[in-house]
């Protein structure tokens, strides 16, 4: 089966050109775009927000997630640490399924065990999401770029800005829905759909895991050669 890059929200040729030729504002804008069009990231954030009822809770959990993905993004990208992007996206999709499963009470109901502490799990999943962001950033830039490190920081600033915008909208919508009498049924249905979406996203990565596009191997080799020359 042939891999379909779009399902891994791979960067377009235009995005790569803007990353290489644009200024730091352009790079930050690309980071925001990546977050706002990253359906797997957004689904996971929605899963986190579902049963957080105070801004203090929201800030603490989102901070843990942000620290996780920021650390990996800032460390893995300069060191050119990467893996098959389809495999990474499959794991990110699994985090979506995990959070929905937890929201539905799957651990005590089906597994007969308490759910793992949420805050450490969110931080751990932030590391995984950060690895996905780092891989996408490496797909859009070259280590020989004189602004390589500045662009990493700018991209992360954009990601955080996009994340804040998405969180504000989702938190506002959920706050309104919580006051409606149909909230319990809505919450159950929504989390079932989130879980199903995560499973579909995982399945869509299988072709790319089994047979990675040849162009990725060539691009990585070129990048490593330029960084070592």
Protein backbone atom coordinates (compact mmCIF):
# COMPACT_ATOMS: atom_id res chain seq x y z
CA UNK A 1 0.00 0.00 0.00
CA UNK A 2 1.20 3.50 -0.77
CA UNK A 3 1.57 5.96 2.12
CA UNK A 4 -0.60 9.05 2.02
CA UNK A 5 1.44 11.96 3.43
CA UNK A 6 -1.64 14.12 4.02
CA UNK A 7 -2.84 11.81 6.79
CA UNK A 8 0.38 12.57 8.66
CA UNK A 9 -0.24 16.30 7.98
CA UNK A 10 3.13 16.46 6.22
CA UNK A 11 4.36 19.96 5.32
CA UNK A 12 3.51 21.17 1.84
CA UNK A 13 6.11 22.38 -0.62
CA UNK A 14 4.87 25.94 -0.02
CA UNK A 15 5.40 25.53 3.74
CA UNK A 16 8.93 24.26 3.15
CA UNK A 17 9.67 27.24 0.91
CA UNK A 18 8.30 29.69 3.47
CA UNK A 19 10.39 28.02 6.18
CA UNK A 20 13.59 28.29 4.15
CA UNK A 21 13.06 31.74 2.64
CA UNK A 22 10.75 33.53 5.08
CA UNK A 23 11.54 35.64 8.12
CA UNK A 24 10.99 34.62 11.75
CA UNK A 25 7.41 35.91 11.70
CA UNK A 26 6.68 33.64 8.73
CA UNK A 27 8.16 30.72 10.65
CA UNK A 28 6.08 31.51 13.75
CA UNK A 29 2.98 31.68 11.55
CA UNK A 30 3.83 28.25 10.16
CA UNK A 31 4.01 26.92 13.72
CA UNK A 32 0.57 28.32 14.50
CA UNK A 33 -0.83 26.88 11.26
CA UNK A 34 0.62 23.48 12.06
CA UNK A 35 -1.03 23.41 15.46
CA UNK A 36 -4.39 24.70 14.22
CA UNK A 37 -4.51 22.16 11.37
CA UNK A 38 -3.08 19.31 13.46
CA UNK A 39 -6.27 17.35 14.06
CA UNK A 40 -4.49 14.79 16.27
CA UNK A 41 -3.06 17.49 18.54
CA UNK A 42 -6.42 19.25 18.71
CA UNK A 43 -8.31 16.04 19.52
CA UNK A 44 -5.89 15.30 22.35
CA UNK A 45 -6.24 18.82 23.76
CA UNK A 46 -10.03 18.49 23.55
CA UNK A 47 -9.81 15.23 25.48
CA UNK A 48 -7.75 16.90 28.20
CA UNK A 49 -10.18 19.80 28.53
CA UNK A 50 -13.38 17.75 28.74
CA UNK A 51 -13.64 17.40 32.49
CA UNK A 52 -11.43 20.25 33.68
CA UNK A 53 -13.76 22.74 35.29
CA UNK A 54 -11.43 25.48 36.54
CA UNK A 55 -8.85 27.67 34.87
CA UNK A 56 -6.29 26.56 37.45
CA UNK A 57 -6.74 22.95 36.34
CA UNK A 58 -6.59 23.90 32.68
CA UNK A 59 -3.41 25.93 33.15
CA UNK A 60 -1.65 23.21 35.15
CA UNK A 61 -2.41 20.41 32.69
CA UNK A 62 -1.73 22.44 29.57
CA UNK A 63 1.53 23.67 31.13
CA UNK A 64 2.61 20.06 31.69
CA UNK A 65 1.77 19.24 28.08
CA UNK A 66 3.55 22.35 26.79
CA UNK A 67 6.70 21.66 28.80
CA UNK A 68 6.81 18.14 27.41
CA UNK A 69 6.48 19.02 23.75
CA UNK A 70 8.66 22.13 24.00
CA UNK A 71 11.58 20.22 25.56
CA UNK A 72 11.55 17.60 22.84
CA UNK A 73 11.12 20.15 20.06
CA UNK A 74 14.08 22.23 21.27
CA UNK A 75 16.32 19.21 21.89
CA UNK A 76 15.48 16.75 19.13
CA UNK A 77 15.40 19.26 16.27
CA UNK A 78 18.98 20.62 16.56
CA UNK A 79 20.30 17.09 17.10
CA UNK A 80 18.34 15.83 14.07
CA UNK A 81 16.77 13.07 16.18
CA UNK A 82 13.82 11.68 14.28
CA UNK A 83 11.89 8.55 13.43
CA UNK A 84 9.40 7.43 10.83
CA UNK A 85 6.83 10.29 10.90
CA UNK A 86 3.97 7.87 10.27
CA UNK A 87 4.98 5.81 13.30
CA UNK A 88 5.13 8.97 15.41
CA UNK A 89 1.71 10.06 14.20
CA UNK A 90 0.35 6.60 15.02
CA UNK A 91 1.57 6.95 18.61
CA UNK A 92 0.11 10.48 18.79
CA UNK A 93 -3.20 9.05 17.57
CA UNK A 94 -2.94 6.45 20.33
CA UNK A 95 -2.69 9.26 22.91
CA UNK A 96 -6.01 10.55 21.55
CA UNK A 97 -7.60 7.11 22.06
CA UNK A 98 -6.06 6.83 25.52
CA UNK A 99 -7.49 10.15 26.72
CA UNK A 100 -10.95 9.41 25.39
CA UNK A 101 -10.82 5.93 26.99
CA UNK A 102 -9.91 7.53 30.31
CA UNK A 103 -12.67 10.13 29.98
CA UNK A 104 -15.17 7.33 29.45
CA UNK A 105 -14.06 5.64 32.66
CA UNK A 106 -12.50 2.77 30.76
CA UNK A 107 -9.85 1.95 33.36
CA UNK A 108 -12.17 1.18 36.31
CA UNK A 109 -15.07 -0.09 34.17
CA UNK A 110 -13.23 -2.38 31.76
CA UNK A 111 -9.76 -2.94 33.19
CA UNK A 112 -10.81 -2.86 36.86
CA UNK A 113 -7.86 -0.65 37.76
CA UNK A 114 -7.62 3.06 38.61
CA UNK A 115 -6.49 5.37 35.84
CA UNK A 116 -2.81 6.41 36.01
CA UNK A 117 -2.20 9.90 37.47
CA UNK A 118 -3.24 12.32 34.76
CA UNK A 119 -0.63 15.07 35.15
CA UNK A 120 2.44 12.82 34.57
CA UNK A 121 0.66 11.12 31.67
CA UNK A 122 -0.12 14.46 30.03
CA UNK A 123 3.54 15.48 30.36
CA UNK A 124 4.62 12.13 28.88
CA UNK A 125 2.24 12.53 25.98
CA UNK A 126 3.57 16.07 25.51
CA UNK A 127 7.00 14.53 24.86
CA UNK A 128 5.49 12.32 22.17
CA UNK A 129 3.62 15.20 20.52
CA UNK A 130 6.82 17.25 20.65
CA UNK A 131 8.68 14.52 18.77
CA UNK A 132 6.03 14.74 16.06
CA UNK A 133 6.40 18.53 15.91
CA UNK A 134 10.18 18.19 15.72
CA UNK A 135 9.97 15.72 12.86
CA UNK A 136 7.69 18.05 10.91
CA UNK A 137 10.01 20.98 11.56
CA UNK A 138 12.97 18.95 10.31
CA UNK A 139 10.95 18.23 7.17
CA UNK A 140 10.69 21.98 6.55
CA UNK A 141 14.21 23.21 7.24
CA UNK A 142 17.85 22.29 6.78
CA UNK A 143 20.51 22.14 9.48
CA UNK A 144 22.75 24.35 7.31
CA UNK A 145 20.25 27.25 7.51
CA UNK A 146 22.06 30.18 9.23
CA UNK A 147 18.87 30.93 11.18
CA UNK A 148 18.28 27.29 12.11
CA UNK A 149 18.14 27.78 15.89
CA UNK A 150 16.18 31.03 15.70
CA UNK A 151 13.64 29.33 13.45
CA UNK A 152 13.23 26.47 15.92
CA UNK A 153 12.33 28.98 18.65
CA UNK A 154 10.06 30.98 16.34
CA UNK A 155 8.26 27.83 15.21
CA UNK A 156 7.66 26.84 18.84
CA UNK A 157 6.34 30.33 19.67
CA UNK A 158 3.88 29.95 16.81
CA UNK A 159 2.86 26.49 18.01
CA UNK A 160 2.14 27.88 21.47
CA UNK A 161 0.15 30.77 20.03
CA UNK A 162 -1.94 28.40 17.94
CA UNK A 163 -2.45 26.15 20.93
CA UNK A 164 -3.68 29.03 23.10
CA UNK A 165 -6.13 30.10 20.39
CA UNK A 166 -7.49 26.56 20.00
CA UNK A 167 -7.76 26.08 23.77
CA UNK A 168 -9.67 29.33 24.21
CA UNK A 169 -12.29 28.27 21.67
CA UNK A 170 -12.62 24.70 22.96
CA UNK A 171 -12.76 25.75 26.62
CA UNK A 172 -15.46 28.32 25.85
CA UNK A 173 -17.62 25.86 23.92
CA UNK A 174 -17.28 23.16 26.59
CA UNK A 175 -18.13 25.65 29.33
CA UNK A 176 -21.41 26.50 27.59
CA UNK A 177 -22.26 22.83 26.93
CA UNK A 178 -21.65 21.86 30.57
CA UNK A 179 -24.60 24.01 31.59
CA UNK A 180 -27.01 22.18 29.28
CA UNK A 181 -29.16 19.27 30.52
CA UNK A 182 -27.84 17.04 27.76
CA UNK A 183 -24.21 17.36 28.88
CA UNK A 184 -23.73 13.74 30.16
CA UNK A 185 -24.99 12.24 26.89
CA UNK A 186 -23.02 14.73 24.85
CA UNK A 187 -19.81 14.04 26.79
CA UNK A 188 -20.19 10.28 26.32
CA UNK A 189 -20.93 10.56 22.61
CA UNK A 190 -18.16 13.08 21.98
CA UNK A 191 -15.53 10.95 23.70
CA UNK A 192 -16.66 7.86 21.77
CA UNK A 193 -16.19 9.87 18.57
CA UNK A 194 -12.78 11.10 19.76
CA UNK A 195 -11.71 7.51 20.45
CA UNK A 196 -13.02 6.34 17.07
CA UNK A 197 -11.20 9.20 15.33
CA UNK A 198 -7.96 8.24 17.06
CA UNK A 199 -8.34 4.62 15.96
CA UNK A 200 -8.94 5.70 12.36
CA UNK A 201 -5.90 8.01 12.46
CA UNK A 202 -3.78 5.14 13.79
CA UNK A 203 -4.94 2.85 10.99
CA UNK A 204 -4.18 5.47 8.34
CA UNK A 205 -0.51 5.54 9.37
CA UNK A 206 0.03 1.80 8.80
CA UNK A 207 0.99 2.04 5.08
CA UNK A 208 3.59 4.70 5.87
CA UNK A 209 5.01 2.62 8.71
CA UNK A 210 5.30 -0.48 6.54
CA UNK A 211 6.68 1.30 3.47
CA UNK A 212 8.02 4.82 4.21
CA UNK A 213 8.12 7.12 1.16
CA UNK A 214 11.54 6.90 -0.50
CA UNK A 215 11.80 10.69 -0.68
CA UNK A 216 12.04 10.91 3.09
CA UNK A 217 15.17 8.77 3.16
CA UNK A 218 16.82 10.88 0.47
CA UNK A 219 15.92 14.14 2.26
CA UNK A 220 17.27 12.93 5.59
CA UNK A 221 20.54 11.83 4.00
CA UNK A 222 20.93 15.23 2.32
CA UNK A 223 20.19 17.04 5.59
CA UNK A 224 22.73 15.01 7.56
CA UNK A 225 25.35 15.50 4.83
CA UNK A 226 24.90 19.27 4.85
CA UNK A 227 24.98 19.49 8.63
CA UNK A 228 28.27 17.56 8.77
CA UNK A 229 29.98 19.41 5.91
